[in-house]
Amino acid sequence: MTYDEALALLKEYNQGEFHLKHAYIVADVMGWFAQQLGYGQEKDFWTVVGLLHDLDFEQYPEQHCVKSQEILRQRGVDEAIVRATASHGYGITVDIKPEHEMEKVLFATDELTGLIGAAALMRPSKSVSDLEVKSVKKKFKDKKFAAGCSREVILQGAEMLGWDLDHLIDQTIQAMRASSHVD
């Protein structure tokens, strides 16, 4: 599936600016991680997975990561994309455990991009360009801040990757700095 095909499908099921922006950011973050982790030849695949990971969330929030599998299979999308996008709902809505490093990165960074984005908005610059790990960690500890971003999932994702939280946050900040979709 090409990026343009994935984007057209995403826009069929998502019209909200928030959901679209989140999809673009996660797609960029996934592409960045593909390059950094030695999967450069798979960058397009990682990016498409990031773009489609919340395909069903806007219209089917109660069936998140379940309905998307149905939609993608009906469209004849490669089973690797179906599995990878669904795996980020592991332990929440599906029992598809992230196994490939790409799936683990998606699981770890999906929630974290939201937390980092919210933390950046609290800065005078309103940007990730000058955001530091310690600032994100301070917000991470405040359970009321960006309460919709699951700290448990972020920690579980870091553990799956074998990374400490600081490293995951640092790498995700760098990935978001490289995104053209982050303000």
N, C-alpha and C. Protein backbone atom coordinates (compact mmCIF):
# COMPACT_ATOMS: atom_id res chain seq x y z
N MET A 1 0.85 -1.18 0.00
CA MET A 1 0.00 0.00 0.00
C MET A 1 0.89 1.24 0.00
N THR A 2 0.60 2.15 -0.88
CA THR A 2 1.39 3.38 -0.94
C THR A 2 0.90 4.37 0.12
N TYR A 3 1.71 5.38 0.35
CA TYR A 3 1.32 6.44 1.29
C TYR A 3 0.04 7.11 0.81
N ASP A 4 -0.04 7.42 -0.47
CA ASP A 4 -1.22 8.10 -1.00
C ASP A 4 -2.48 7.25 -0.87
N GLU A 5 -2.35 5.94 -1.09
CA GLU A 5 -3.49 5.04 -0.90
C GLU A 5 -3.91 5.01 0.56
N ALA A 6 -2.93 4.93 1.45
CA ALA A 6 -3.21 4.92 2.89
C ALA A 6 -3.87 6.23 3.32
N LEU A 7 -3.38 7.34 2.79
CA LEU A 7 -3.94 8.64 3.13
C LEU A 7 -5.39 8.75 2.67
N ALA A 8 -5.68 8.28 1.48
CA ALA A 8 -7.06 8.32 0.98
C ALA A 8 -7.97 7.48 1.87
N LEU A 9 -7.50 6.31 2.28
CA LEU A 9 -8.29 5.46 3.17
C LEU A 9 -8.48 6.12 4.53
N LEU A 10 -7.42 6.68 5.06
CA LEU A 10 -7.50 7.38 6.35
C LEU A 10 -8.57 8.47 6.29
N LYS A 11 -8.56 9.24 5.23
CA LYS A 11 -9.50 10.36 5.11
C LYS A 11 -10.95 9.90 4.87
N GLU A 12 -11.14 8.67 4.44
CA GLU A 12 -12.50 8.13 4.33
C GLU A 12 -13.13 7.97 5.72
N TYR A 13 -12.29 7.63 6.69
CA TYR A 13 -12.79 7.31 8.03
C TYR A 13 -12.47 8.38 9.07
N ASN A 14 -11.71 9.38 8.71
CA ASN A 14 -11.32 10.43 9.65
C ASN A 14 -11.42 11.79 8.99
N GLN A 15 -12.21 12.67 9.58
CA GLN A 15 -12.32 14.02 9.07
C GLN A 15 -11.83 15.05 10.10
N GLY A 16 -11.79 14.67 11.35
CA GLY A 16 -11.40 15.60 12.41
C GLY A 16 -9.94 16.00 12.31
N GLU A 17 -9.69 17.30 12.43
CA GLU A 17 -8.34 17.82 12.33
C GLU A 17 -7.40 17.16 13.34
N PHE A 18 -7.87 16.95 14.56
CA PHE A 18 -7.05 16.34 15.60
C PHE A 18 -6.59 14.94 15.20
N HIS A 19 -7.53 14.12 14.74
CA HIS A 19 -7.20 12.74 14.38
C HIS A 19 -6.26 12.68 13.17
N LEU A 20 -6.51 13.54 12.20
CA LEU A 20 -5.64 13.56 11.02
C LEU A 20 -4.23 14.00 11.38
N LYS A 21 -4.12 15.05 12.18
CA LYS A 21 -2.80 15.55 12.57
C LYS A 21 -2.05 14.48 13.36
N HIS A 22 -2.75 13.81 14.27
CA HIS A 22 -2.11 12.74 15.04
C HIS A 22 -1.59 11.64 14.10
N ALA A 23 -2.38 11.28 13.11
CA ALA A 23 -1.96 10.25 12.15
C ALA A 23 -0.72 10.69 11.38
N TYR A 24 -0.69 11.94 10.94
CA TYR A 24 0.48 12.44 10.21
C TYR A 24 1.72 12.42 11.09
N ILE A 25 1.57 12.85 12.32
CA ILE A 25 2.71 12.90 13.23
C ILE A 25 3.23 11.49 13.52
N VAL A 26 2.33 10.57 13.83
CA VAL A 26 2.78 9.20 14.12
C VAL A 26 3.41 8.58 12.87
N ALA A 27 2.88 8.86 11.70
CA ALA A 27 3.50 8.36 10.46
C ALA A 27 4.93 8.88 10.32
N ASP A 28 5.12 10.18 10.57
CA ASP A 28 6.46 10.76 10.48
C ASP A 28 7.39 10.17 11.53
N VAL A 29 6.88 10.00 12.74
CA VAL A 29 7.68 9.42 13.83
C VAL A 29 8.10 7.99 13.47
N MET A 30 7.18 7.23 12.94
CA MET A 30 7.50 5.85 12.56
C MET A 30 8.54 5.81 11.44
N GLY A 31 8.43 6.69 10.47
CA GLY A 31 9.43 6.75 9.40
C GLY A 31 10.79 7.12 9.94
N TRP A 32 10.83 8.06 10.88
CA TRP A 32 12.09 8.48 11.50
C TRP A 32 12.73 7.30 12.23
N PHE A 33 11.93 6.58 13.01
CA PHE A 33 12.46 5.43 13.76
C PHE A 33 12.94 4.34 12.80
N ALA A 34 12.25 4.12 11.70
CA ALA A 34 12.70 3.12 10.72
C ALA A 34 14.12 3.43 10.27
N GLN A 35 14.37 4.70 9.96
CA GLN A 35 15.72 5.12 9.54
C GLN A 35 16.73 4.93 10.67
N GLN A 36 16.38 5.38 11.86
CA GLN A 36 17.31 5.35 12.99
C GLN A 36 17.65 3.94 13.45
N LEU A 37 16.70 3.02 13.31
CA LEU A 37 16.90 1.67 13.83
C LEU A 37 17.39 0.68 12.78
N GLY A 38 17.75 1.20 11.60
CA GLY A 38 18.32 0.34 10.58
C GLY A 38 17.31 -0.34 9.67
N TYR A 39 16.11 0.18 9.61
CA TYR A 39 15.08 -0.37 8.74
C TYR A 39 14.74 0.59 7.61
N GLY A 40 15.75 1.29 7.12
CA GLY A 40 15.52 2.31 6.10
C GLY A 40 14.79 1.79 4.87
N GLN A 41 15.06 0.54 4.49
CA GLN A 41 14.38 -0.02 3.32
C GLN A 41 12.89 -0.26 3.59
N GLU A 42 12.51 -0.28 4.86
CA GLU A 42 11.11 -0.49 5.24
C GLU A 42 10.43 0.81 5.68
N LYS A 43 11.09 1.93 5.47
CA LYS A 43 10.57 3.21 5.95
C LYS A 43 9.15 3.47 5.45
N ASP A 44 8.87 3.22 4.20
CA ASP A 44 7.53 3.47 3.66
C ASP A 44 6.48 2.61 4.38
N PHE A 45 6.83 1.36 4.63
CA PHE A 45 5.93 0.45 5.35
C PHE A 45 5.66 0.97 6.76
N TRP A 46 6.71 1.34 7.48
CA TRP A 46 6.56 1.86 8.84
C TRP A 46 5.69 3.12 8.83
N THR A 47 5.90 3.97 7.84
CA THR A 47 5.15 5.22 7.73
C THR A 47 3.67 4.95 7.49
N VAL A 48 3.36 4.03 6.60
CA VAL A 48 1.97 3.68 6.31
C VAL A 48 1.29 3.10 7.56
N VAL A 49 2.01 2.26 8.29
CA VAL A 49 1.46 1.71 9.53
C VAL A 49 1.15 2.85 10.51
N GLY A 50 2.06 3.79 10.64
CA GLY A 50 1.82 4.94 11.51
C GLY A 50 0.62 5.76 11.06
N LEU A 51 0.49 5.94 9.76
CA LEU A 51 -0.62 6.72 9.22
C LEU A 51 -1.97 6.06 9.50
N LEU A 52 -2.01 4.74 9.40
CA LEU A 52 -3.28 4.02 9.52
C LEU A 52 -3.58 3.47 10.92
N HIS A 53 -2.69 3.68 11.87
CA HIS A 53 -2.84 3.00 13.16
C HIS A 53 -4.15 3.31 13.87
N ASP A 54 -4.71 4.49 13.70
CA ASP A 54 -5.98 4.85 14.34
C ASP A 54 -7.11 4.97 13.32
N LEU A 55 -7.03 4.22 12.25
CA LEU A 55 -8.00 4.30 11.16
C LEU A 55 -9.44 4.28 11.65
N ASP A 56 -9.74 3.43 12.61
CA ASP A 56 -11.11 3.24 13.07
C ASP A 56 -11.50 4.09 14.28
N PHE A 57 -10.56 4.80 14.86
CA PHE A 57 -10.82 5.43 16.16
C PHE A 57 -11.89 6.53 16.12
N GLU A 58 -11.89 7.33 15.09
CA GLU A 58 -12.85 8.43 15.04
C GLU A 58 -14.29 7.93 14.92
N GLN A 59 -14.51 6.93 14.08
CA GLN A 59 -15.88 6.45 13.85
C GLN A 59 -16.28 5.29 14.76
N TYR A 60 -15.30 4.52 15.21
CA TYR A 60 -15.59 3.32 16.01
C TYR A 60 -14.71 3.25 17.26
N PRO A 61 -14.78 4.25 18.14
CA PRO A 61 -13.87 4.25 19.29
C PRO A 61 -14.03 3.04 20.21
N GLU A 62 -15.22 2.49 20.28
CA GLU A 62 -15.44 1.32 21.15
C GLU A 62 -14.91 0.04 20.52
N GLN A 63 -14.62 0.08 19.22
CA GLN A 63 -14.10 -1.10 18.51
C GLN A 63 -12.71 -0.82 17.95
N HIS A 64 -12.00 0.11 18.59
CA HIS A 64 -10.68 0.52 18.13
C HIS A 64 -9.73 -0.67 18.03
N CYS A 65 -9.04 -0.77 16.93
CA CYS A 65 -8.09 -1.84 16.59
C CYS A 65 -8.77 -3.16 16.26
N VAL A 66 -10.08 -3.20 16.37
CA VAL A 66 -10.86 -4.38 15.97
C VAL A 66 -11.51 -4.09 14.62
N LYS A 67 -12.23 -2.97 14.55
CA LYS A 67 -12.90 -2.57 13.32
C LYS A 67 -11.90 -2.30 12.20
N SER A 68 -10.75 -1.74 12.56
CA SER A 68 -9.74 -1.43 11.53
C SER A 68 -9.28 -2.70 10.81
N GLN A 69 -9.17 -3.79 11.54
CA GLN A 69 -8.76 -5.05 10.90
C GLN A 69 -9.77 -5.46 9.84
N GLU A 70 -11.04 -5.33 10.17
CA GLU A 70 -12.11 -5.65 9.23
C GLU A 70 -12.04 -4.74 7.99
N ILE A 71 -11.90 -3.45 8.22
CA ILE A 71 -11.85 -2.48 7.13
C ILE A 71 -10.66 -2.77 6.21
N LEU A 72 -9.50 -2.97 6.81
CA LEU A 72 -8.29 -3.20 6.02
C LEU A 72 -8.37 -4.51 5.24
N ARG A 73 -8.88 -5.55 5.86
CA ARG A 73 -9.01 -6.84 5.16
C ARG A 73 -10.00 -6.73 4.00
N GLN A 74 -11.10 -6.00 4.21
CA GLN A 74 -12.08 -5.81 3.13
C GLN A 74 -11.45 -5.11 1.93
N ARG A 75 -10.45 -4.27 2.19
CA ARG A 75 -9.77 -3.54 1.12
C ARG A 75 -8.61 -4.33 0.53
N GLY A 76 -8.37 -5.53 1.04
CA GLY A 76 -7.29 -6.36 0.52
C GLY A 76 -5.91 -5.88 0.92
N VAL A 77 -5.83 -5.14 2.03
CA VAL A 77 -4.54 -4.62 2.51
C VAL A 77 -3.70 -5.76 3.05
N ASP A 78 -2.41 -5.69 2.81
CA ASP A 78 -1.45 -6.70 3.27
C ASP A 78 -1.66 -7.01 4.75
N GLU A 79 -1.66 -8.28 5.07
CA GLU A 79 -1.90 -8.73 6.45
C GLU A 79 -0.86 -8.18 7.43
N ALA A 80 0.34 -7.90 6.96
CA ALA A 80 1.36 -7.32 7.84
C ALA A 80 0.94 -5.94 8.34
N ILE A 81 0.28 -5.16 7.49
CA ILE A 81 -0.23 -3.84 7.89
C ILE A 81 -1.40 -4.01 8.85
N VAL A 82 -2.28 -4.96 8.56
CA VAL A 82 -3.42 -5.22 9.42
C VAL A 82 -2.94 -5.55 10.83
N ARG A 83 -2.00 -6.49 10.92
CA ARG A 83 -1.49 -6.92 12.22
C ARG A 83 -0.76 -5.78 12.94
N ALA A 84 0.11 -5.09 12.22
CA ALA A 84 0.93 -4.04 12.84
C ALA A 84 0.06 -2.92 13.38
N THR A 85 -0.93 -2.47 12.61
CA THR A 85 -1.77 -1.38 13.09
C THR A 85 -2.60 -1.83 14.29
N ALA A 86 -3.07 -3.04 14.28
CA ALA A 86 -3.89 -3.54 15.39
C ALA A 86 -3.08 -3.77 16.66
N SER A 87 -1.82 -4.11 16.51
CA SER A 87 -1.00 -4.48 17.68
C SER A 87 -0.83 -3.34 18.68
N HIS A 88 -1.02 -2.10 18.25
CA HIS A 88 -0.85 -1.01 19.22
C HIS A 88 -2.01 -0.95 20.22
N GLY A 89 -3.06 -1.74 19.99
CA GLY A 89 -4.15 -1.85 20.94
C GLY A 89 -4.00 -3.03 21.90
N TYR A 90 -2.82 -3.61 21.92
CA TYR A 90 -2.56 -4.79 22.75
C TYR A 90 -2.88 -4.52 24.22
N GLY A 91 -3.65 -5.44 24.78
CA GLY A 91 -3.99 -5.35 26.19
C GLY A 91 -5.12 -4.38 26.47
N ILE A 92 -5.55 -3.65 25.46
CA ILE A 92 -6.62 -2.68 25.64
C ILE A 92 -7.87 -3.17 24.91
N THR A 93 -7.74 -3.37 23.60
CA THR A 93 -8.89 -3.84 22.81
C THR A 93 -8.60 -5.12 22.04
N VAL A 94 -7.33 -5.49 21.91
CA VAL A 94 -6.95 -6.69 21.17
C VAL A 94 -5.86 -7.47 21.92
N ASP A 95 -5.71 -8.73 21.54
CA ASP A 95 -4.67 -9.58 22.14
C ASP A 95 -3.52 -9.82 21.18
N ILE A 96 -3.31 -8.91 20.25
CA ILE A 96 -2.23 -9.03 19.27
C ILE A 96 -1.00 -8.34 19.85
N LYS A 97 -0.11 -9.14 20.40
CA LYS A 97 1.07 -8.59 21.08
C LYS A 97 2.08 -8.06 20.06
N PRO A 98 2.58 -6.85 20.27
CA PRO A 98 3.63 -6.33 19.39
C PRO A 98 4.86 -7.25 19.45
N GLU A 99 5.29 -7.72 18.29
CA GLU A 99 6.44 -8.62 18.24
C GLU A 99 7.60 -8.00 17.46
N HIS A 100 7.33 -7.50 16.27
CA HIS A 100 8.37 -6.87 15.46
C HIS A 100 8.77 -5.56 16.14
N GLU A 101 10.01 -5.14 15.96
CA GLU A 101 10.46 -3.89 16.56
C GLU A 101 9.57 -2.71 16.13
N MET A 102 9.10 -2.75 14.89
CA MET A 102 8.22 -1.68 14.40
C MET A 102 6.93 -1.63 15.20
N GLU A 103 6.36 -2.78 15.50
CA GLU A 103 5.12 -2.82 16.29
C GLU A 103 5.36 -2.30 17.70
N LYS A 104 6.50 -2.62 18.25
CA LYS A 104 6.84 -2.15 19.59
C LYS A 104 7.04 -0.63 19.60
N VAL A 105 7.65 -0.10 18.56
CA VAL A 105 7.84 1.35 18.46
C VAL A 105 6.48 2.04 18.37
N LEU A 106 5.59 1.51 17.56
CA LEU A 106 4.25 2.09 17.44
C LEU A 106 3.54 2.05 18.79
N PHE A 107 3.59 0.92 19.46
CA PHE A 107 2.95 0.78 20.76
C PHE A 107 3.49 1.81 21.74
N ALA A 108 4.81 1.99 21.75
CA ALA A 108 5.47 2.89 22.72
C ALA A 108 5.26 4.36 22.39
N THR A 109 5.24 4.71 21.13
CA THR A 109 5.24 6.13 20.76
C THR A 109 3.86 6.72 20.50
N ASP A 110 2.87 5.92 20.24
CA ASP A 110 1.53 6.44 19.94
C ASP A 110 1.05 7.35 21.07
N GLU A 111 1.02 6.85 22.27
CA GLU A 111 0.58 7.65 23.41
C GLU A 111 1.58 8.75 23.73
N LEU A 112 2.85 8.42 23.59
CA LEU A 112 3.91 9.37 23.95
C LEU A 112 3.90 10.61 23.07
N THR A 113 3.58 10.47 21.79
CA THR A 113 3.53 11.65 20.92
C THR A 113 2.48 12.63 21.42
N GLY A 114 1.38 12.11 21.94
CA GLY A 114 0.34 12.98 22.49
C GLY A 114 0.82 13.72 23.73
N LEU A 115 1.50 13.01 24.60
CA LEU A 115 2.03 13.62 25.82
C LEU A 115 3.08 14.67 25.49
N ILE A 116 3.98 14.34 24.58
CA ILE A 116 5.02 15.30 24.18
C ILE A 116 4.39 16.52 23.52
N GLY A 117 3.42 16.30 22.65
CA GLY A 117 2.74 17.43 22.00
C GLY A 117 2.08 18.34 23.00
N ALA A 118 1.43 17.76 24.00
CA ALA A 118 0.78 18.55 25.04
C ALA A 118 1.80 19.30 25.89
N ALA A 119 2.91 18.65 26.19
CA ALA A 119 3.98 19.30 26.98
C ALA A 119 4.58 20.47 26.20
N ALA A 120 4.75 20.29 24.91
CA ALA A 120 5.31 21.36 24.08
C ALA A 120 4.39 22.59 24.09
N LEU A 121 3.09 22.36 24.08
CA LEU A 121 2.14 23.48 24.07
C LEU A 121 2.20 24.31 25.35
N MET A 122 2.74 23.75 26.41
CA MET A 122 2.85 24.46 27.68
C MET A 122 4.09 25.35 27.73
N ARG A 123 4.98 25.19 26.79
CA ARG A 123 6.21 25.97 26.76
C ARG A 123 5.96 27.34 26.14
N PRO A 124 6.74 28.33 26.50
CA PRO A 124 6.58 29.66 25.86
C PRO A 124 6.69 29.58 24.34
N SER A 125 7.55 28.70 23.85
CA SER A 125 7.75 28.56 22.40
C SER A 125 6.62 27.76 21.74
N LYS A 126 5.88 26.99 22.54
CA LYS A 126 4.84 26.09 22.05
C LYS A 126 5.39 25.13 20.99
N SER A 127 6.63 24.70 21.20
CA SER A 127 7.34 23.91 20.20
C SER A 127 8.12 22.77 20.84
N VAL A 128 8.34 21.71 20.06
CA VAL A 128 9.21 20.62 20.53
C VAL A 128 10.67 20.97 20.31
N SER A 129 10.94 22.04 19.58
CA SER A 129 12.33 22.38 19.23
C SER A 129 13.21 22.64 20.44
N ASP A 130 12.62 23.12 21.53
CA ASP A 130 13.41 23.38 22.73
C ASP A 130 12.92 22.55 23.92
N LEU A 131 12.13 21.54 23.64
CA LEU A 131 11.59 20.68 24.69
C LEU A 131 12.67 19.70 25.16
N GLU A 132 12.78 19.53 26.46
CA GLU A 132 13.78 18.63 27.03
C GLU A 132 13.10 17.44 27.69
N VAL A 133 13.86 16.35 27.79
CA VAL A 133 13.36 15.12 28.40
C VAL A 133 12.84 15.39 29.80
N LYS A 134 13.58 16.17 30.60
CA LYS A 134 13.17 16.41 31.99
C LYS A 134 11.81 17.10 32.07
N SER A 135 11.51 17.97 31.11
CA SER A 135 10.20 18.64 31.10
C SER A 135 9.09 17.64 30.81
N VAL A 136 9.33 16.72 29.89
CA VAL A 136 8.33 15.70 29.56
C VAL A 136 8.15 14.77 30.75
N LYS A 137 9.25 14.39 31.40
CA LYS A 137 9.15 13.50 32.56
C LYS A 137 8.36 14.14 33.70
N LYS A 138 8.53 15.44 33.87
CA LYS A 138 7.77 16.13 34.91
C LYS A 138 6.27 16.05 34.60
N LYS A 139 5.91 16.26 33.34
CA LYS A 139 4.51 16.17 32.93
C LYS A 139 4.03 14.72 32.99
N PHE A 140 4.92 13.78 32.69
CA PHE A 140 4.61 12.36 32.73
C PHE A 140 4.15 11.96 34.14
N LYS A 141 4.81 12.51 35.14
CA LYS A 141 4.50 12.17 36.54
C LYS A 141 3.18 12.77 37.01
N ASP A 142 2.73 13.83 36.36
CA ASP A 142 1.47 14.48 36.71
C ASP A 142 0.33 13.77 35.97
N LYS A 143 -0.35 12.88 36.66
CA LYS A 143 -1.39 12.04 36.03
C LYS A 143 -2.57 12.85 35.49
N LYS A 144 -2.75 14.06 35.98
CA LYS A 144 -3.84 14.91 35.50
C LYS A 144 -3.50 15.60 34.19
N PHE A 145 -2.21 15.74 33.92
CA PHE A 145 -1.76 16.38 32.68
C PHE A 145 -1.90 15.39 31.53
N ALA A 146 -2.57 15.82 30.46
CA ALA A 146 -2.79 14.94 29.30
C ALA A 146 -3.24 13.57 29.78
N ALA A 147 -4.28 13.58 30.59
CA ALA A 147 -4.76 12.37 31.26
C ALA A 147 -5.13 11.25 30.30
N GLY A 148 -5.45 11.58 29.07
CA GLY A 148 -5.80 10.56 28.08
C GLY A 148 -4.62 9.77 27.55
N CYS A 149 -3.42 10.23 27.86
CA CYS A 149 -2.20 9.54 27.40
C CYS A 149 -1.78 8.54 28.47
N SER A 150 -1.90 7.27 28.17
CA SER A 150 -1.64 6.22 29.15
C SER A 150 -0.15 6.08 29.46
N ARG A 151 0.19 6.41 30.68
CA ARG A 151 1.57 6.25 31.14
C ARG A 151 1.95 4.78 31.19
N GLU A 152 0.99 3.94 31.55
CA GLU A 152 1.23 2.50 31.63
C GLU A 152 1.63 1.94 30.27
N VAL A 153 0.92 2.35 29.23
CA VAL A 153 1.23 1.88 27.88
C VAL A 153 2.62 2.37 27.46
N ILE A 154 2.94 3.63 27.75
CA ILE A 154 4.25 4.18 27.40
C ILE A 154 5.35 3.39 28.10
N LEU A 155 5.19 3.13 29.38
CA LEU A 155 6.19 2.36 30.13
C LEU A 155 6.29 0.92 29.62
N GLN A 156 5.16 0.33 29.32
CA GLN A 156 5.15 -1.03 28.78
C GLN A 156 5.87 -1.06 27.42
N GLY A 157 5.64 -0.04 26.61
CA GLY A 157 6.30 0.03 25.31
C GLY A 157 7.80 0.17 25.44
N ALA A 158 8.25 1.02 26.35
CA ALA A 158 9.69 1.17 26.59
C ALA A 158 10.29 -0.16 27.02
N GLU A 159 9.59 -0.86 27.89
CA GLU A 159 10.07 -2.16 28.36
C GLU A 159 10.15 -3.17 27.20
N MET A 160 9.14 -3.19 26.35
CA MET A 160 9.14 -4.09 25.18
C MET A 160 10.37 -3.85 24.31
N LEU A 161 10.72 -2.57 24.17
CA LEU A 161 11.86 -2.20 23.33
C LEU A 161 13.20 -2.42 24.04
N GLY A 162 13.16 -2.60 25.36
CA GLY A 162 14.39 -2.74 26.13
C GLY A 162 15.07 -1.40 26.36
N TRP A 163 14.28 -0.33 26.34
CA TRP A 163 14.79 1.03 26.52
C TRP A 163 14.31 1.58 27.86
N ASP A 164 15.10 2.49 28.43
CA ASP A 164 14.58 3.18 29.60
C ASP A 164 13.69 4.33 29.12
N LEU A 165 12.90 4.85 30.03
CA LEU A 165 11.93 5.89 29.67
C LEU A 165 12.61 7.13 29.10
N ASP A 166 13.74 7.53 29.67
CA ASP A 166 14.45 8.72 29.18
C ASP A 166 14.84 8.56 27.71
N HIS A 167 15.34 7.37 27.36
CA HIS A 167 15.75 7.13 25.97
C HIS A 167 14.55 7.18 25.03
N LEU A 168 13.46 6.56 25.43
CA LEU A 168 12.26 6.58 24.60
C LEU A 168 11.75 8.01 24.40
N ILE A 169 11.71 8.77 25.48
CA ILE A 169 11.26 10.16 25.37
C ILE A 169 12.20 10.96 24.48
N ASP A 170 13.50 10.84 24.70
CA ASP A 170 14.48 11.57 23.91
C ASP A 170 14.34 11.26 22.42
N GLN A 171 14.26 9.99 22.09
CA GLN A 171 14.18 9.59 20.69
C GLN A 171 12.86 10.07 20.06
N THR A 172 11.79 10.03 20.83
CA THR A 172 10.50 10.46 20.29
C THR A 172 10.47 11.98 20.09
N ILE A 173 11.08 12.71 21.00
CA ILE A 173 11.20 14.16 20.81
C ILE A 173 11.98 14.44 19.52
N GLN A 174 13.09 13.76 19.33
CA GLN A 174 13.89 13.97 18.11
C GLN A 174 13.07 13.65 16.86
N ALA A 175 12.32 12.56 16.93
CA ALA A 175 11.48 12.16 15.78
C ALA A 175 10.43 13.23 15.50
N MET A 176 9.85 13.78 16.55
CA MET A 176 8.83 14.82 16.36
C MET A 176 9.44 16.12 15.85
N ARG A 177 10.66 16.41 16.24
CA ARG A 177 11.34 17.60 15.72
C ARG A 177 11.55 17.49 14.22
N ALA A 178 11.72 16.26 13.74
CA ALA A 178 11.97 16.04 12.31
C ALA A 178 10.67 16.04 11.49
N SER A 179 9.53 16.00 12.16
CA SER A 179 8.24 15.95 11.47
C SER A 179 7.82 17.31 10.94
N SER A 180 7.36 17.33 9.73
CA SER A 180 6.85 18.58 9.16
C SER A 180 5.43 18.88 9.66
N HIS A 181 4.83 17.94 10.37
CA HIS A 181 3.47 18.12 10.85
C HIS A 181 3.37 18.59 12.29
N VAL A 182 4.52 18.72 12.93
CA VAL A 182 4.56 19.22 14.31
C VAL A 182 4.84 20.71 14.24
N ASP A 183 4.01 21.48 14.94
CA ASP A 183 4.16 22.93 14.92
C ASP A 183 5.40 23.37 15.67
